[in-house]
C-alpha atoms as a PDB file:
ATOM      1  CA  MET A   1       0.091   0.072   0.027  1.00  0.00           C
ATOM      2  CA  ILE A   2       2.943   2.408   0.875  1.00  0.00           C
ATOM      3  CA  VAL A   3       4.614   1.566  -2.876  1.00  0.00           C
ATOM      4  CA  TRP A   4       1.218   2.398  -4.345  1.00  0.00           C
ATOM      5  CA  ARG A   5       0.941   5.655  -2.245  1.00  0.00           C
ATOM      6  CA  ALA A   6       4.324   6.503  -3.066  1.00  0.00           C
ATOM      7  CA  LEU A   7       4.162   5.705  -7.281  1.00  0.00           C
ATOM      8  CA  ARG A   8       0.613   8.160  -7.244  1.00  0.00           C
ATOM      9  CA  ALA A   9       2.290  10.889  -5.621  1.00  0.00           C
ATOM     10  CA  GLY A  10       5.074  10.626  -7.828  1.00  0.00           C
ATOM     11  CA  VAL A  11       3.448  10.765 -11.118  1.00  0.00           C
ATOM     12  CA  GLU A  12       0.146  12.423 -10.254  1.00  0.00           C
ATOM     13  CA  GLY A  13       1.523  15.995 -10.876  1.00  0.00           C
ATOM     14  CA  ASP A  14       2.965  15.113 -14.286  1.00  0.00           C
ATOM     15  CA  PRO A  15       0.126  16.208 -17.019  1.00  0.00           C
ATOM     16  CA  ALA A  16       1.612  14.073 -19.682  1.00  0.00           C
ATOM     17  CA  TRP A  17       1.314  11.003 -17.877  1.00  0.00           C
ATOM     18  CA  MET A  18      -2.078  11.898 -16.652  1.00  0.00           C
ATOM     19  CA  ARG A  19      -3.108  12.884 -20.295  1.00  0.00           C
ATOM     20  CA  ARG A  20      -2.131   8.874 -21.154  1.00  0.00           C
ATOM     21  CA  VAL A  21      -3.693   7.072 -18.749  1.00  0.00           C
ATOM     22  CA  HIS A  22      -7.063   9.022 -19.156  1.00  0.00           C
ATOM     23  CA  GLY A  23      -7.101   9.000 -22.504  1.00  0.00           C
ATOM     24  CA  TRP A  24      -6.237   4.731 -22.578  1.00  0.00           C
ATOM     25  CA  LEU A  25      -8.750   4.483 -19.865  1.00  0.00           C
ATOM     26  CA  THR A  26     -11.623   6.857 -22.030  1.00  0.00           C
ATOM     27  CA  ILE A  27     -11.273   4.006 -24.913  1.00  0.00           C
ATOM     28  CA  ILE A  28     -11.092   1.144 -23.020  1.00  0.00           C
ATOM     29  CA  TRP A  29     -14.345   2.220 -21.259  1.00  0.00           C
ATOM     30  CA  PHE A  30     -15.744   3.109 -24.398  1.00  0.00           C
ATOM     31  CA  LEU A  31     -15.315   0.095 -26.054  1.00  0.00           C
ATOM     32  CA  ALA A  32     -16.378  -1.898 -22.833  1.00  0.00           C
ATOM     33  CA  ALA A  33     -19.524   0.115 -22.764  1.00  0.00           C
ATOM     34  CA  PHE A  34     -21.454  -1.158 -25.676  1.00  0.00           C
ATOM     35  CA  PRO A  35     -20.981  -5.282 -24.470  1.00  0.00           C
ATOM     36  CA  ILE A  36     -22.029  -3.707 -21.213  1.00  0.00           C
ATOM     37  CA  MET A  37     -25.497  -2.044 -22.687  1.00  0.00           C
ATOM     38  CA  TYR A  38     -25.773  -5.493 -24.987  1.00  0.00           C
ATOM     39  CA  TRP A  39     -25.257  -7.364 -21.759  1.00  0.00           C
ATOM     40  CA  TRP A  40     -27.494  -5.822 -18.964  1.00  0.00           C
ATOM     41  CA  SER A  41     -30.007  -4.316 -21.233  1.00  0.00           C
ATOM     42  CA  GLU A  42     -32.634  -6.350 -19.987  1.00  0.00           C
ATOM     43  CA  ASN A  43     -32.052  -6.290 -16.401  1.00  0.00           C
ATOM     44  CA  LEU A  44     -31.365  -2.209 -15.231  1.00  0.00           C
ATOM     45  CA  PRO A  45     -31.362  -0.674 -19.006  1.00  0.00           C
ATOM     46  CA  PHE A  46     -31.532   3.081 -18.161  1.00  0.00           C
ATOM     47  CA  LEU A  47     -28.692   2.477 -14.633  1.00  0.00           C
ATOM     48  CA  VAL A  48     -26.871   1.011 -16.916  1.00  0.00           C
ATOM     49  CA  PHE A  49     -26.202   3.417 -19.417  1.00  0.00           C
ATOM     50  CA  VAL A  50     -25.874   6.143 -16.949  1.00  0.00           C
ATOM     51  CA  SER A  51     -23.381   4.535 -15.253  1.00  0.00           C
ATOM     52  CA  VAL A  52     -21.251   3.761 -18.160  1.00  0.00           C
ATOM     53  CA  TYR A  53     -22.022   6.640 -19.521  1.00  0.00           C
ATOM     54  CA  ALA A  54     -20.750   8.964 -16.687  1.00  0.00           C
ATOM     55  CA  VAL A  55     -17.326   6.952 -16.529  1.00  0.00           C
ATOM     56  CA  VAL A  56     -17.130   7.422 -20.004  1.00  0.00           C
ATOM     57  CA  THR A  57     -17.181  11.116 -20.042  1.00  0.00           C
ATOM     58  CA  GLY A  58     -15.335  11.283 -16.509  1.00  0.00           C
ATOM     59  CA  HIS A  59     -12.508  10.162 -18.037  1.00  0.00           C
ATOM     60  CA  TRP A  60     -12.897  12.093 -21.462  1.00  0.00           C
ATOM     61  CA  SER A  61     -12.915  15.076 -19.622  1.00  0.00           C
ATOM     62  CA  SER A  62     -10.093  14.265 -17.310  1.00  0.00           C
ATOM     63  CA  TRP A  63      -8.471  13.760 -20.448  1.00  0.00           C
ATOM     64  CA  GLN A  64      -9.337  16.980 -22.123  1.00  0.00           C
ATOM     65  CA  ALA A  65      -7.759  18.682 -19.218  1.00  0.00           C
ATOM     66  CA  SER A  66      -5.017  17.289 -18.735  1.00  0.00           C
ATOM     67  CA  ARG A  67      -4.294  17.659 -22.555  1.00  0.00           C
ATOM     68  CA  VAL A  68      -4.558  21.537 -21.940  1.00  0.00           C
ATOM     69  CA  GLU A  69      -1.831  21.149 -18.537  1.00  0.00           C
ATOM     70  CA  THR A  70       0.686  19.385 -21.116  1.00  0.00           C
ATOM     71  CA  ARG A  71       0.480  22.395 -23.466  1.00  0.00           C
ATOM     72  CA  GLN A  72       0.835  24.841 -20.712  1.00  0.00           C
ATOM     73  CA  GLU A  73       3.622  22.896 -19.390  1.00  0.00           C
ATOM     74  CA  GLU A  74       5.329  22.968 -22.911  1.00  0.00           C
ATOM     75  CA  LEU A  75       4.291  26.502 -23.640  1.00  0.00           C
ATOM     76  CA  GLU A  76       6.059  27.658 -20.195  1.00  0.00           C
ATOM     77  CA  GLN A  77       9.245  25.874 -20.927  1.00  0.00           C
ATOM     78  CA  GLU A  78       9.526  27.044 -24.083  1.00  0.00           C
ATOM     79  CA  ARG A  79       9.243  30.690 -22.352  1.00  0.00           C
ATOM     80  CA  GLN A  80      11.636  30.181 -19.890  1.00  0.00           C
ATOM     81  CA  GLN A  81      14.011  28.812 -22.478  1.00  0.00           C
ATOM     82  CA  ARG A  82      13.364  31.958 -25.026  1.00  0.00           C
ATOM     83  CA  ASP A  83      14.278  34.303 -21.704  1.00  0.00           C
ATOM     84  CA  GLU A  84      17.424  32.146 -20.643  1.00  0.00           C
ATOM     85  CA  THR A  85      18.856  33.111 -24.046  1.00  0.00           C
ATOM     86  CA  SER A  86      17.383  36.537 -24.786  1.00  0.00           C
ATOM     87  CA  SER A  87      18.287  37.488 -21.275  1.00  0.00           C
ATOM     88  CA  PRO A  88      22.134  39.630 -21.071  1.00  0.00           C
ATOM     89  CA  PRO A  89      24.894  37.973 -19.081  1.00  0.00           C
ATOM     90  CA  SER A  90      24.817  39.481 -15.803  1.00  0.00           C
END
């Protein structure tokens, strides 16, 4: 349990890693949504649809948010590199 927490804490702040995780989870849940709805449709059609939809949209939105964070981080690094190269030596 301690190893899992340390691993999670190490990668939680990395937007590129989070983007990849949420992207893959979105794809997995999207592909799983159709078989889940088909097999469980006779028992709880609306509940199944809403639950799977919530999981898919949650991961999709997290993936999109982490894409923005990744881009912001890249822009910040580019800006810092520009500032370092353009500033006169002291």
